[in-house]
């Protein structure tokens, strides 16, 4: 029998396969899941991280500014009554935080380490090898240029990348910072060479 959970899975996979998604689709989710599987040691909130990975881009409209809030709301609507409320709450908060990729100071201490890991997994592509990073840039451009226009997209993207470079750290956790920061900054600087000054 096709259960409610099966229906949620099928609907989520259909969303991730939407034709306007050149980067924010199943391959991004799969990369994050592989990264999560490679994390050392046990995770106190592994179920929440996995749900956040699956749902964090569930709603993805390049013209909208509330995708994160809508994705978190979809997770709650889909999984209420199927998953423990605390797990849903932590996963929903992780998703909402992808709007800024910053960790609020009032976040419960027992969440903050794993929220940081989740956010770092989401941005790990910044530290990919050059072909992987270039594919990411092409995917983002394919999603946003048709909506905003080439010039507006390029100017906005350049501003976003410069803001990333201005951060003292691109990654929250020491392990991601040590492994990826240098490569990520080199990738971003290289991308900026092809965007407006």
N, C-alpha and C. Protein backbone atom coordinates (compact mmCIF):
# COMPACT_ATOMS: atom_id res chain seq x y z
N UNK A 1 0.84 -1.19 0.00
CA UNK A 1 0.00 0.00 0.00
C UNK A 1 0.88 1.25 0.00
N UNK A 2 0.49 2.24 -0.79
CA UNK A 2 1.23 3.49 -0.91
C UNK A 2 0.91 4.35 0.30
N UNK A 3 1.89 4.55 1.18
CA UNK A 3 1.66 5.25 2.43
C UNK A 3 1.81 6.76 2.25
N UNK A 4 1.44 7.48 3.31
CA UNK A 4 1.62 8.94 3.30
C UNK A 4 3.10 9.30 3.17
N UNK A 5 3.97 8.53 3.82
CA UNK A 5 5.40 8.78 3.73
C UNK A 5 5.89 8.55 2.30
N UNK A 6 5.41 7.49 1.66
CA UNK A 6 5.76 7.25 0.26
C UNK A 6 5.32 8.41 -0.62
N UNK A 7 4.13 8.93 -0.35
CA UNK A 7 3.62 10.06 -1.14
C UNK A 7 4.50 11.29 -0.94
N UNK A 8 4.94 11.54 0.30
CA UNK A 8 5.83 12.67 0.58
C UNK A 8 7.14 12.52 -0.17
N UNK A 9 7.70 11.30 -0.14
CA UNK A 9 8.96 11.04 -0.85
C UNK A 9 8.81 11.29 -2.34
N UNK A 10 7.74 10.77 -2.91
CA UNK A 10 7.52 10.92 -4.35
C UNK A 10 7.35 12.40 -4.72
N UNK A 11 6.60 13.14 -3.91
CA UNK A 11 6.39 14.56 -4.19
C UNK A 11 7.69 15.35 -4.07
N UNK A 12 8.50 14.98 -3.08
CA UNK A 12 9.77 15.68 -2.88
C UNK A 12 10.72 15.40 -4.05
N UNK A 13 10.79 14.16 -4.49
CA UNK A 13 11.65 13.82 -5.63
C UNK A 13 11.17 14.55 -6.89
N UNK A 14 9.86 14.68 -7.05
CA UNK A 14 9.33 15.42 -8.20
C UNK A 14 9.73 16.89 -8.13
N UNK A 15 9.69 17.46 -6.95
CA UNK A 15 10.13 18.86 -6.79
C UNK A 15 11.61 19.01 -7.17
N UNK A 16 12.44 18.08 -6.70
CA UNK A 16 13.88 18.16 -6.95
C UNK A 16 14.22 17.96 -8.43
N UNK A 17 13.27 17.42 -9.18
CA UNK A 17 13.48 17.19 -10.61
C UNK A 17 12.84 18.27 -11.48
N UNK A 18 12.36 19.36 -10.87
CA UNK A 18 11.74 20.43 -11.65
C UNK A 18 12.71 20.95 -12.69
N UNK A 19 12.21 21.28 -13.88
CA UNK A 19 13.12 21.60 -14.99
C UNK A 19 13.96 22.86 -14.80
N UNK A 20 13.54 23.78 -13.93
CA UNK A 20 14.33 25.00 -13.75
C UNK A 20 15.51 24.80 -12.81
N UNK A 21 15.63 23.63 -12.22
CA UNK A 21 16.72 23.38 -11.27
C UNK A 21 17.94 22.84 -12.02
N UNK A 22 18.96 23.66 -12.14
CA UNK A 22 20.21 23.22 -12.75
C UNK A 22 21.24 22.82 -11.70
N UNK A 23 21.12 23.38 -10.50
CA UNK A 23 22.01 23.01 -9.39
C UNK A 23 21.23 22.51 -8.18
N UNK A 24 20.16 23.20 -7.80
CA UNK A 24 19.44 22.90 -6.57
C UNK A 24 18.46 21.74 -6.76
N UNK A 25 18.99 20.59 -7.13
CA UNK A 25 18.17 19.41 -7.36
C UNK A 25 18.71 18.20 -6.64
N UNK A 26 18.40 17.02 -7.17
CA UNK A 26 18.77 15.77 -6.51
C UNK A 26 20.28 15.60 -6.36
N UNK A 27 21.05 16.06 -7.35
CA UNK A 27 22.50 15.87 -7.25
C UNK A 27 23.09 16.65 -6.08
N UNK A 28 22.55 17.84 -5.79
CA UNK A 28 23.01 18.61 -4.63
C UNK A 28 22.65 17.89 -3.34
N UNK A 29 21.43 17.38 -3.26
CA UNK A 29 21.02 16.61 -2.09
C UNK A 29 21.93 15.39 -1.92
N UNK A 30 22.19 14.68 -3.00
CA UNK A 30 23.04 13.49 -2.92
C UNK A 30 24.45 13.82 -2.45
N UNK A 31 24.99 14.95 -2.93
CA UNK A 31 26.33 15.36 -2.50
C UNK A 31 26.34 15.65 -1.00
N UNK A 32 25.30 16.30 -0.50
CA UNK A 32 25.23 16.58 0.93
C UNK A 32 25.08 15.30 1.75
N UNK A 33 24.29 14.35 1.24
CA UNK A 33 24.14 13.08 1.95
C UNK A 33 25.46 12.32 2.00
N UNK A 34 26.22 12.35 0.90
CA UNK A 34 27.54 11.71 0.91
C UNK A 34 28.45 12.41 1.92
N UNK A 35 28.40 13.73 1.95
CA UNK A 35 29.21 14.47 2.92
C UNK A 35 28.82 14.14 4.34
N UNK A 36 27.53 14.01 4.59
CA UNK A 36 27.06 13.65 5.94
C UNK A 36 27.57 12.26 6.32
N UNK A 37 27.51 11.32 5.38
CA UNK A 37 27.95 9.95 5.66
C UNK A 37 29.44 9.90 5.99
N UNK A 38 30.20 10.86 5.47
CA UNK A 38 31.64 10.88 5.70
C UNK A 38 32.04 11.59 6.99
N UNK A 39 31.08 12.21 7.68
CA UNK A 39 31.41 12.92 8.91
C UNK A 39 31.86 11.92 9.98
N UNK A 40 32.91 12.26 10.74
CA UNK A 40 33.38 11.33 11.77
C UNK A 40 32.50 11.38 13.01
N UNK A 41 32.42 10.25 13.68
CA UNK A 41 31.74 10.20 14.97
C UNK A 41 30.24 10.19 14.88
N UNK A 42 29.58 9.86 15.98
CA UNK A 42 28.12 9.85 15.98
C UNK A 42 27.55 11.26 15.99
N UNK A 43 26.36 11.40 15.43
CA UNK A 43 25.67 12.68 15.39
C UNK A 43 24.43 12.59 16.26
N UNK A 44 24.29 13.52 17.18
CA UNK A 44 23.14 13.50 18.09
C UNK A 44 21.83 13.76 17.36
N UNK A 45 21.91 14.53 16.28
CA UNK A 45 20.69 14.91 15.56
C UNK A 45 20.76 14.48 14.10
N UNK A 46 21.23 13.25 13.89
CA UNK A 46 21.42 12.75 12.52
C UNK A 46 20.12 12.75 11.73
N UNK A 47 19.01 12.38 12.35
CA UNK A 47 17.73 12.33 11.64
C UNK A 47 17.31 13.72 11.20
N UNK A 48 17.52 14.72 12.06
CA UNK A 48 17.17 16.09 11.71
C UNK A 48 18.04 16.61 10.57
N UNK A 49 19.35 16.31 10.62
CA UNK A 49 20.24 16.74 9.54
C UNK A 49 19.79 16.13 8.22
N UNK A 50 19.49 14.83 8.23
CA UNK A 50 19.10 14.17 6.99
C UNK A 50 17.80 14.76 6.43
N UNK A 51 16.83 15.02 7.30
CA UNK A 51 15.59 15.64 6.82
C UNK A 51 15.85 17.04 6.29
N UNK A 52 16.71 17.79 6.97
CA UNK A 52 17.02 19.14 6.50
C UNK A 52 17.71 19.10 5.14
N UNK A 53 18.58 18.14 4.94
CA UNK A 53 19.22 17.99 3.64
C UNK A 53 18.17 17.75 2.55
N UNK A 54 17.26 16.84 2.80
CA UNK A 54 16.24 16.51 1.80
C UNK A 54 15.31 17.67 1.51
N UNK A 55 14.96 18.44 2.54
CA UNK A 55 13.93 19.47 2.38
C UNK A 55 14.45 20.89 2.21
N UNK A 56 15.75 21.14 2.35
CA UNK A 56 16.18 22.54 2.45
C UNK A 56 15.97 23.33 1.16
N UNK A 57 15.90 22.66 0.04
CA UNK A 57 15.58 23.33 -1.22
C UNK A 57 14.29 22.78 -1.83
N UNK A 58 13.42 22.26 -0.99
CA UNK A 58 12.19 21.65 -1.50
C UNK A 58 11.36 22.65 -2.27
N UNK A 59 11.31 23.87 -1.78
CA UNK A 59 10.67 24.97 -2.51
C UNK A 59 11.81 25.82 -3.07
N UNK A 60 11.88 25.91 -4.39
CA UNK A 60 12.99 26.65 -5.00
C UNK A 60 12.49 27.45 -6.19
N UNK A 61 12.27 28.71 -5.93
CA UNK A 61 11.82 29.66 -6.95
C UNK A 61 12.86 30.77 -7.03
N UNK A 62 13.65 30.85 -8.10
CA UNK A 62 14.69 31.87 -8.17
C UNK A 62 14.18 33.31 -8.13
N UNK A 63 12.89 33.49 -8.28
CA UNK A 63 12.33 34.85 -8.19
C UNK A 63 11.86 35.19 -6.78
N UNK A 64 11.86 34.24 -5.89
CA UNK A 64 11.30 34.44 -4.55
C UNK A 64 12.40 34.70 -3.52
N UNK A 65 11.99 35.30 -2.40
CA UNK A 65 12.93 35.57 -1.30
C UNK A 65 12.59 34.77 -0.05
N UNK A 66 11.60 33.89 -0.13
CA UNK A 66 11.18 33.16 1.06
C UNK A 66 11.23 31.64 0.86
N UNK A 67 12.10 31.18 -0.02
CA UNK A 67 12.19 29.74 -0.28
C UNK A 67 12.49 28.94 0.98
N UNK A 68 13.37 29.47 1.82
CA UNK A 68 13.77 28.73 3.02
C UNK A 68 12.60 28.56 3.97
N UNK A 69 11.87 29.65 4.21
CA UNK A 69 10.72 29.57 5.11
C UNK A 69 9.65 28.64 4.54
N UNK A 70 9.44 28.71 3.24
CA UNK A 70 8.43 27.84 2.62
C UNK A 70 8.87 26.38 2.62
N UNK A 71 10.17 26.13 2.47
CA UNK A 71 10.68 24.76 2.53
C UNK A 71 10.51 24.19 3.95
N UNK A 72 10.82 25.01 4.96
CA UNK A 72 10.64 24.56 6.34
C UNK A 72 9.17 24.28 6.64
N UNK A 73 8.29 25.13 6.13
CA UNK A 73 6.85 24.92 6.34
C UNK A 73 6.38 23.65 5.64
N UNK A 74 6.93 23.37 4.46
CA UNK A 74 6.56 22.14 3.75
C UNK A 74 7.00 20.91 4.54
N UNK A 75 8.21 20.95 5.08
CA UNK A 75 8.68 19.84 5.91
C UNK A 75 7.71 19.59 7.06
N UNK A 76 7.32 20.66 7.75
CA UNK A 76 6.39 20.52 8.88
C UNK A 76 5.06 19.93 8.41
N UNK A 77 4.53 20.42 7.30
CA UNK A 77 3.23 19.94 6.81
C UNK A 77 3.32 18.48 6.38
N UNK A 78 4.40 18.13 5.69
CA UNK A 78 4.55 16.76 5.20
C UNK A 78 4.73 15.75 6.33
N UNK A 79 5.53 16.10 7.33
CA UNK A 79 6.00 15.10 8.29
C UNK A 79 5.34 15.17 9.65
N UNK A 80 4.46 16.13 9.87
CA UNK A 80 3.74 16.20 11.14
C UNK A 80 2.96 14.91 11.36
N UNK A 81 3.17 14.31 12.51
CA UNK A 81 2.51 13.05 12.82
C UNK A 81 3.28 11.83 12.34
N UNK A 82 4.30 12.04 11.51
CA UNK A 82 5.12 10.92 11.02
C UNK A 82 6.49 10.87 11.69
N UNK A 83 6.97 12.04 12.10
CA UNK A 83 8.31 12.17 12.68
C UNK A 83 8.17 12.90 14.01
N UNK A 84 9.03 12.58 14.97
CA UNK A 84 8.99 13.21 16.28
C UNK A 84 9.03 14.73 16.14
N UNK A 85 8.19 15.46 16.87
CA UNK A 85 8.14 16.92 16.73
C UNK A 85 9.47 17.62 16.97
N UNK A 86 10.29 17.10 17.90
CA UNK A 86 11.58 17.74 18.14
C UNK A 86 12.49 17.62 16.92
N UNK A 87 12.48 16.46 16.28
CA UNK A 87 13.29 16.26 15.07
C UNK A 87 12.83 17.22 13.98
N UNK A 88 11.52 17.34 13.81
CA UNK A 88 10.97 18.27 12.82
C UNK A 88 11.39 19.70 13.16
N UNK A 89 11.32 20.08 14.43
CA UNK A 89 11.68 21.43 14.84
C UNK A 89 13.14 21.76 14.55
N UNK A 90 14.03 20.83 14.85
CA UNK A 90 15.45 21.07 14.60
C UNK A 90 15.71 21.15 13.10
N UNK A 91 15.13 20.23 12.33
CA UNK A 91 15.33 20.24 10.87
C UNK A 91 14.78 21.52 10.26
N UNK A 92 13.61 21.95 10.71
CA UNK A 92 13.02 23.18 10.17
C UNK A 92 13.90 24.39 10.48
N UNK A 93 14.48 24.44 11.67
CA UNK A 93 15.37 25.55 12.02
C UNK A 93 16.62 25.53 11.16
N UNK A 94 17.17 24.34 10.91
CA UNK A 94 18.33 24.24 10.03
C UNK A 94 18.01 24.81 8.65
N UNK A 95 16.84 24.45 8.13
CA UNK A 95 16.44 24.92 6.81
C UNK A 95 16.30 26.44 6.81
N UNK A 96 15.65 27.00 7.81
CA UNK A 96 15.48 28.45 7.87
C UNK A 96 16.82 29.18 7.89
N UNK A 97 17.81 28.57 8.54
CA UNK A 97 19.12 29.22 8.66
C UNK A 97 19.90 29.23 7.35
N UNK A 98 19.48 28.45 6.36
CA UNK A 98 20.16 28.52 5.06
C UNK A 98 19.88 29.85 4.37
N UNK A 99 18.95 30.63 4.86
CA UNK A 99 18.68 31.96 4.28
C UNK A 99 19.89 32.88 4.47
N UNK A 100 20.60 32.74 5.58
CA UNK A 100 21.75 33.61 5.86
C UNK A 100 23.05 32.84 6.05
N UNK A 101 22.94 31.56 6.33
CA UNK A 101 24.10 30.72 6.66
C UNK A 101 24.86 31.27 7.86
N UNK A 102 24.13 31.88 8.75
CA UNK A 102 24.72 32.35 10.01
C UNK A 102 24.03 31.63 11.16
N UNK A 103 24.77 31.41 12.23
CA UNK A 103 24.23 30.71 13.40
C UNK A 103 23.87 31.76 14.44
N UNK A 104 22.60 31.86 14.81
CA UNK A 104 22.20 32.89 15.79
C UNK A 104 22.79 32.58 17.17
N UNK A 105 23.12 33.63 17.92
CA UNK A 105 23.75 33.40 19.23
C UNK A 105 22.83 32.73 20.24
N UNK A 106 21.52 32.81 20.03
CA UNK A 106 20.59 32.22 20.99
C UNK A 106 20.21 30.78 20.64
N UNK A 107 20.88 30.20 19.65
CA UNK A 107 20.59 28.81 19.29
C UNK A 107 20.97 27.90 20.46
N UNK A 108 20.12 26.92 20.80
CA UNK A 108 20.48 26.01 21.90
C UNK A 108 21.86 25.38 21.68
N UNK A 109 22.66 25.35 22.74
CA UNK A 109 24.05 24.89 22.61
C UNK A 109 24.13 23.47 22.08
N UNK A 110 23.17 22.62 22.46
CA UNK A 110 23.24 21.22 22.01
C UNK A 110 22.84 21.05 20.54
N UNK A 111 22.38 22.13 19.89
CA UNK A 111 22.09 22.09 18.46
C UNK A 111 23.22 22.67 17.62
N UNK A 112 23.96 23.63 18.18
CA UNK A 112 24.77 24.52 17.34
C UNK A 112 25.84 23.77 16.55
N UNK A 113 26.48 22.77 17.14
CA UNK A 113 27.54 22.03 16.43
C UNK A 113 26.97 21.38 15.16
N UNK A 114 25.81 20.74 15.28
CA UNK A 114 25.28 20.01 14.14
C UNK A 114 24.58 20.93 13.14
N UNK A 115 24.05 22.03 13.61
CA UNK A 115 23.55 23.05 12.68
C UNK A 115 24.73 23.57 11.85
N UNK A 116 25.87 23.81 12.50
CA UNK A 116 27.06 24.27 11.79
C UNK A 116 27.51 23.24 10.75
N UNK A 117 27.48 21.97 11.10
CA UNK A 117 27.85 20.94 10.14
C UNK A 117 26.91 20.93 8.94
N UNK A 118 25.61 21.05 9.21
CA UNK A 118 24.64 21.07 8.12
C UNK A 118 24.89 22.26 7.18
N UNK A 119 25.08 23.44 7.74
CA UNK A 119 25.33 24.62 6.92
C UNK A 119 26.62 24.48 6.12
N UNK A 120 27.64 23.89 6.73
CA UNK A 120 28.90 23.68 6.01
C UNK A 120 28.73 22.66 4.88
N UNK A 121 27.95 21.62 5.11
CA UNK A 121 27.67 20.66 4.04
C UNK A 121 27.00 21.34 2.85
N UNK A 122 26.11 22.28 3.14
CA UNK A 122 25.39 22.97 2.07
C UNK A 122 26.33 23.82 1.21
N UNK A 123 27.35 24.41 1.83
CA UNK A 123 28.28 25.27 1.10
C UNK A 123 29.59 24.58 0.74
N UNK A 124 29.69 23.28 0.97
CA UNK A 124 30.94 22.58 0.68
C UNK A 124 31.33 22.68 -0.78
N UNK A 125 30.37 22.86 -1.66
CA UNK A 125 30.67 23.00 -3.10
C UNK A 125 31.61 24.17 -3.37
N UNK A 126 31.62 25.16 -2.51
CA UNK A 126 32.54 26.29 -2.69
C UNK A 126 33.99 25.82 -2.70
N UNK A 127 34.26 24.74 -1.98
CA UNK A 127 35.62 24.20 -1.91
C UNK A 127 35.86 23.01 -2.80
N UNK A 128 34.99 22.83 -3.80
CA UNK A 128 35.17 21.72 -4.73
C UNK A 128 36.39 21.96 -5.62
N UNK A 129 36.83 20.92 -6.35
CA UNK A 129 37.89 21.13 -7.33
C UNK A 129 37.37 22.08 -8.41
N UNK A 130 38.26 22.73 -9.16
CA UNK A 130 37.80 23.74 -10.12
C UNK A 130 36.71 23.28 -11.08
N UNK A 131 36.78 22.09 -11.67
CA UNK A 131 35.68 21.68 -12.54
C UNK A 131 34.35 21.56 -11.79
N UNK A 132 34.39 21.06 -10.57
CA UNK A 132 33.17 20.95 -9.78
C UNK A 132 32.60 22.30 -9.41
N UNK A 133 33.49 23.23 -9.05
CA UNK A 133 33.02 24.57 -8.72
C UNK A 133 32.47 25.27 -9.96
N UNK A 134 33.13 25.11 -11.08
CA UNK A 134 32.66 25.76 -12.31
C UNK A 134 31.29 25.23 -12.72
N UNK A 135 31.06 23.93 -12.51
CA UNK A 135 29.75 23.36 -12.82
C UNK A 135 28.69 23.98 -11.90
N UNK A 136 29.04 24.20 -10.65
CA UNK A 136 28.13 24.87 -9.71
C UNK A 136 27.79 26.27 -10.19
N UNK A 137 28.80 27.04 -10.59
CA UNK A 137 28.54 28.41 -11.09
C UNK A 137 27.64 28.39 -12.32
N UNK A 138 27.89 27.44 -13.23
CA UNK A 138 27.04 27.35 -14.42
C UNK A 138 25.61 27.00 -14.04
N UNK A 139 25.45 26.13 -13.06
CA UNK A 139 24.11 25.76 -12.61
C UNK A 139 23.36 26.92 -12.00
N UNK A 140 24.03 27.69 -11.15
CA UNK A 140 23.39 28.86 -10.54
C UNK A 140 22.99 29.86 -11.62
N UNK A 141 23.88 30.10 -12.58
CA UNK A 141 23.57 31.03 -13.66
C UNK A 141 22.36 30.55 -14.46
N UNK A 142 22.30 29.25 -14.73
CA UNK A 142 21.18 28.71 -15.50
C UNK A 142 19.85 28.87 -14.77
N UNK A 143 19.89 28.87 -13.44
CA UNK A 143 18.67 29.05 -12.66
C UNK A 143 18.24 30.51 -12.58
N UNK A 144 19.19 31.41 -12.45
CA UNK A 144 18.86 32.81 -12.16
C UNK A 144 18.83 33.73 -13.38
N UNK A 145 19.69 33.50 -14.35
CA UNK A 145 19.71 34.41 -15.51
C UNK A 145 18.37 34.51 -16.23
N UNK A 146 17.66 33.38 -16.46
CA UNK A 146 16.38 33.51 -17.16
C UNK A 146 15.34 34.31 -16.39
N UNK A 147 15.48 34.38 -15.09
CA UNK A 147 14.51 35.09 -14.25
C UNK A 147 14.87 36.56 -14.12
N UNK A 148 16.14 36.85 -13.91
CA UNK A 148 16.56 38.21 -13.58
C UNK A 148 17.25 38.94 -14.73
N UNK A 149 17.61 38.23 -15.77
CA UNK A 149 18.37 38.83 -16.86
C UNK A 149 19.86 38.72 -16.61
N UNK A 150 20.61 38.65 -17.70
CA UNK A 150 22.05 38.39 -17.58
C UNK A 150 22.78 39.46 -16.77
N UNK A 151 22.55 40.74 -17.09
CA UNK A 151 23.30 41.80 -16.42
C UNK A 151 22.97 41.88 -14.93
N UNK A 152 21.68 41.80 -14.60
CA UNK A 152 21.28 41.86 -13.19
C UNK A 152 21.81 40.64 -12.44
N UNK A 153 21.75 39.48 -13.08
CA UNK A 153 22.27 38.28 -12.42
C UNK A 153 23.75 38.43 -12.15
N UNK A 154 24.51 38.82 -13.15
CA UNK A 154 25.96 38.91 -13.00
C UNK A 154 26.36 39.92 -11.93
N UNK A 155 25.67 41.06 -11.90
CA UNK A 155 25.97 42.06 -10.87
C UNK A 155 25.63 41.53 -9.48
N UNK A 156 24.47 40.89 -9.35
CA UNK A 156 24.07 40.33 -8.07
C UNK A 156 24.99 39.21 -7.61
N UNK A 157 25.38 38.37 -8.55
CA UNK A 157 26.27 37.26 -8.21
C UNK A 157 27.64 37.78 -7.76
N UNK A 158 28.13 38.80 -8.46
CA UNK A 158 29.42 39.37 -8.06
C UNK A 158 29.35 39.94 -6.65
N UNK A 159 28.25 40.63 -6.35
CA UNK A 159 28.09 41.17 -5.00
C UNK A 159 28.04 40.08 -3.95
N UNK A 160 27.33 38.99 -4.25
CA UNK A 160 27.23 37.87 -3.32
C UNK A 160 28.61 37.25 -3.08
N UNK A 161 29.36 37.02 -4.15
CA UNK A 161 30.67 36.38 -4.01
C UNK A 161 31.64 37.29 -3.27
N UNK A 162 31.59 38.60 -3.54
CA UNK A 162 32.47 39.53 -2.79
C UNK A 162 32.12 39.52 -1.30
N UNK A 163 30.82 39.43 -0.99
CA UNK A 163 30.41 39.38 0.42
C UNK A 163 30.94 38.10 1.08
N UNK A 164 30.93 37.00 0.34
CA UNK A 164 31.50 35.76 0.89
C UNK A 164 32.99 35.94 1.20
N UNK A 165 33.72 36.51 0.25
CA UNK A 165 35.16 36.69 0.46
C UNK A 165 35.46 37.59 1.65
N UNK A 166 34.56 38.51 1.94
CA UNK A 166 34.78 39.43 3.06
C UNK A 166 34.58 38.76 4.42
N UNK A 167 33.95 37.61 4.43
CA UNK A 167 33.75 36.93 5.71
C UNK A 167 35.08 36.42 6.24
N UNK A 168 35.29 36.52 7.55
CA UNK A 168 36.54 35.97 8.10
C UNK A 168 36.63 34.45 7.94
N UNK A 169 35.46 33.80 7.94
CA UNK A 169 35.41 32.35 7.71
C UNK A 169 34.23 32.06 6.78
N UNK A 170 34.47 31.17 5.82
CA UNK A 170 33.38 30.72 4.96
C UNK A 170 32.63 29.56 5.60
N UNK A 171 33.30 28.81 6.45
CA UNK A 171 32.73 27.62 7.06
C UNK A 171 32.75 27.76 8.58
N UNK A 172 31.73 27.24 9.21
CA UNK A 172 31.59 27.38 10.67
C UNK A 172 32.49 26.43 11.44
N UNK A 173 32.61 25.20 10.97
CA UNK A 173 33.34 24.20 11.75
C UNK A 173 34.83 24.22 11.39
N UNK A 174 35.65 23.86 12.37
CA UNK A 174 37.09 23.88 12.15
C UNK A 174 37.50 22.91 11.05
N UNK A 175 36.85 21.75 10.99
CA UNK A 175 37.26 20.76 10.00
C UNK A 175 36.94 21.20 8.57
N UNK A 176 35.78 21.79 8.35
CA UNK A 176 35.46 22.30 7.01
C UNK A 176 36.35 23.50 6.68
N UNK A 177 36.58 24.37 7.66
CA UNK A 177 37.43 25.54 7.45
C UNK A 177 38.83 25.09 7.02
N UNK A 178 39.40 24.13 7.74
CA UNK A 178 40.76 23.68 7.43
C UNK A 178 40.84 22.99 6.08
N UNK A 179 39.81 22.22 5.75
CA UNK A 179 39.85 21.43 4.52
C UNK A 179 39.51 22.22 3.27
N UNK A 180 38.62 23.22 3.39
CA UNK A 180 38.04 23.81 2.19
C UNK A 180 38.23 25.31 2.01
N UNK A 181 38.59 26.04 3.07
CA UNK A 181 38.58 27.50 2.97
C UNK A 181 39.50 28.01 1.87
N UNK A 182 40.72 27.54 1.81
CA UNK A 182 41.67 28.03 0.82
C UNK A 182 41.21 27.78 -0.60
N UNK A 183 40.75 26.57 -0.87
CA UNK A 183 40.27 26.24 -2.21
C UNK A 183 39.03 27.05 -2.55
N UNK A 184 38.13 27.21 -1.57
CA UNK A 184 36.90 27.97 -1.81
C UNK A 184 37.22 29.42 -2.17
N UNK A 185 38.13 30.03 -1.45
CA UNK A 185 38.47 31.43 -1.75
C UNK A 185 39.12 31.55 -3.14
N UNK A 186 39.94 30.59 -3.50
CA UNK A 186 40.54 30.61 -4.84
C UNK A 186 39.46 30.47 -5.91
N UNK A 187 38.51 29.58 -5.68
CA UNK A 187 37.41 29.40 -6.63
C UNK A 187 36.60 30.68 -6.79
N UNK A 188 36.28 31.32 -5.66
CA UNK A 188 35.46 32.53 -5.70
C UNK A 188 36.20 33.66 -6.41
N UNK A 189 37.48 33.81 -6.12
CA UNK A 189 38.25 34.86 -6.80
C UNK A 189 38.29 34.61 -8.31
N UNK A 190 38.43 33.36 -8.70
CA UNK A 190 38.46 33.02 -10.12
C UNK A 190 37.11 33.32 -10.77
N UNK A 191 36.02 33.00 -10.06
CA UNK A 191 34.68 33.31 -10.60
C UNK A 191 34.49 34.81 -10.76
N UNK A 192 35.00 35.59 -9.82
CA UNK A 192 34.84 37.04 -9.87
C UNK A 192 35.58 37.67 -11.06
N UNK A 193 36.61 36.99 -11.55
CA UNK A 193 37.32 37.52 -12.71
C UNK A 193 36.43 37.60 -13.95
N UNK A 194 35.36 36.82 -13.96
CA UNK A 194 34.47 36.76 -15.13
C UNK A 194 33.15 37.51 -14.88
N UNK A 195 33.08 38.24 -13.77
CA UNK A 195 31.85 38.97 -13.43
C UNK A 195 32.16 40.46 -13.34
N UNK A 196 31.13 41.33 -13.29
CA UNK A 196 31.37 42.77 -13.25
C UNK A 196 32.22 43.17 -12.06
N UNK A 197 33.04 44.20 -12.24
CA UNK A 197 33.91 44.66 -11.18
C UNK A 197 33.21 45.51 -10.15
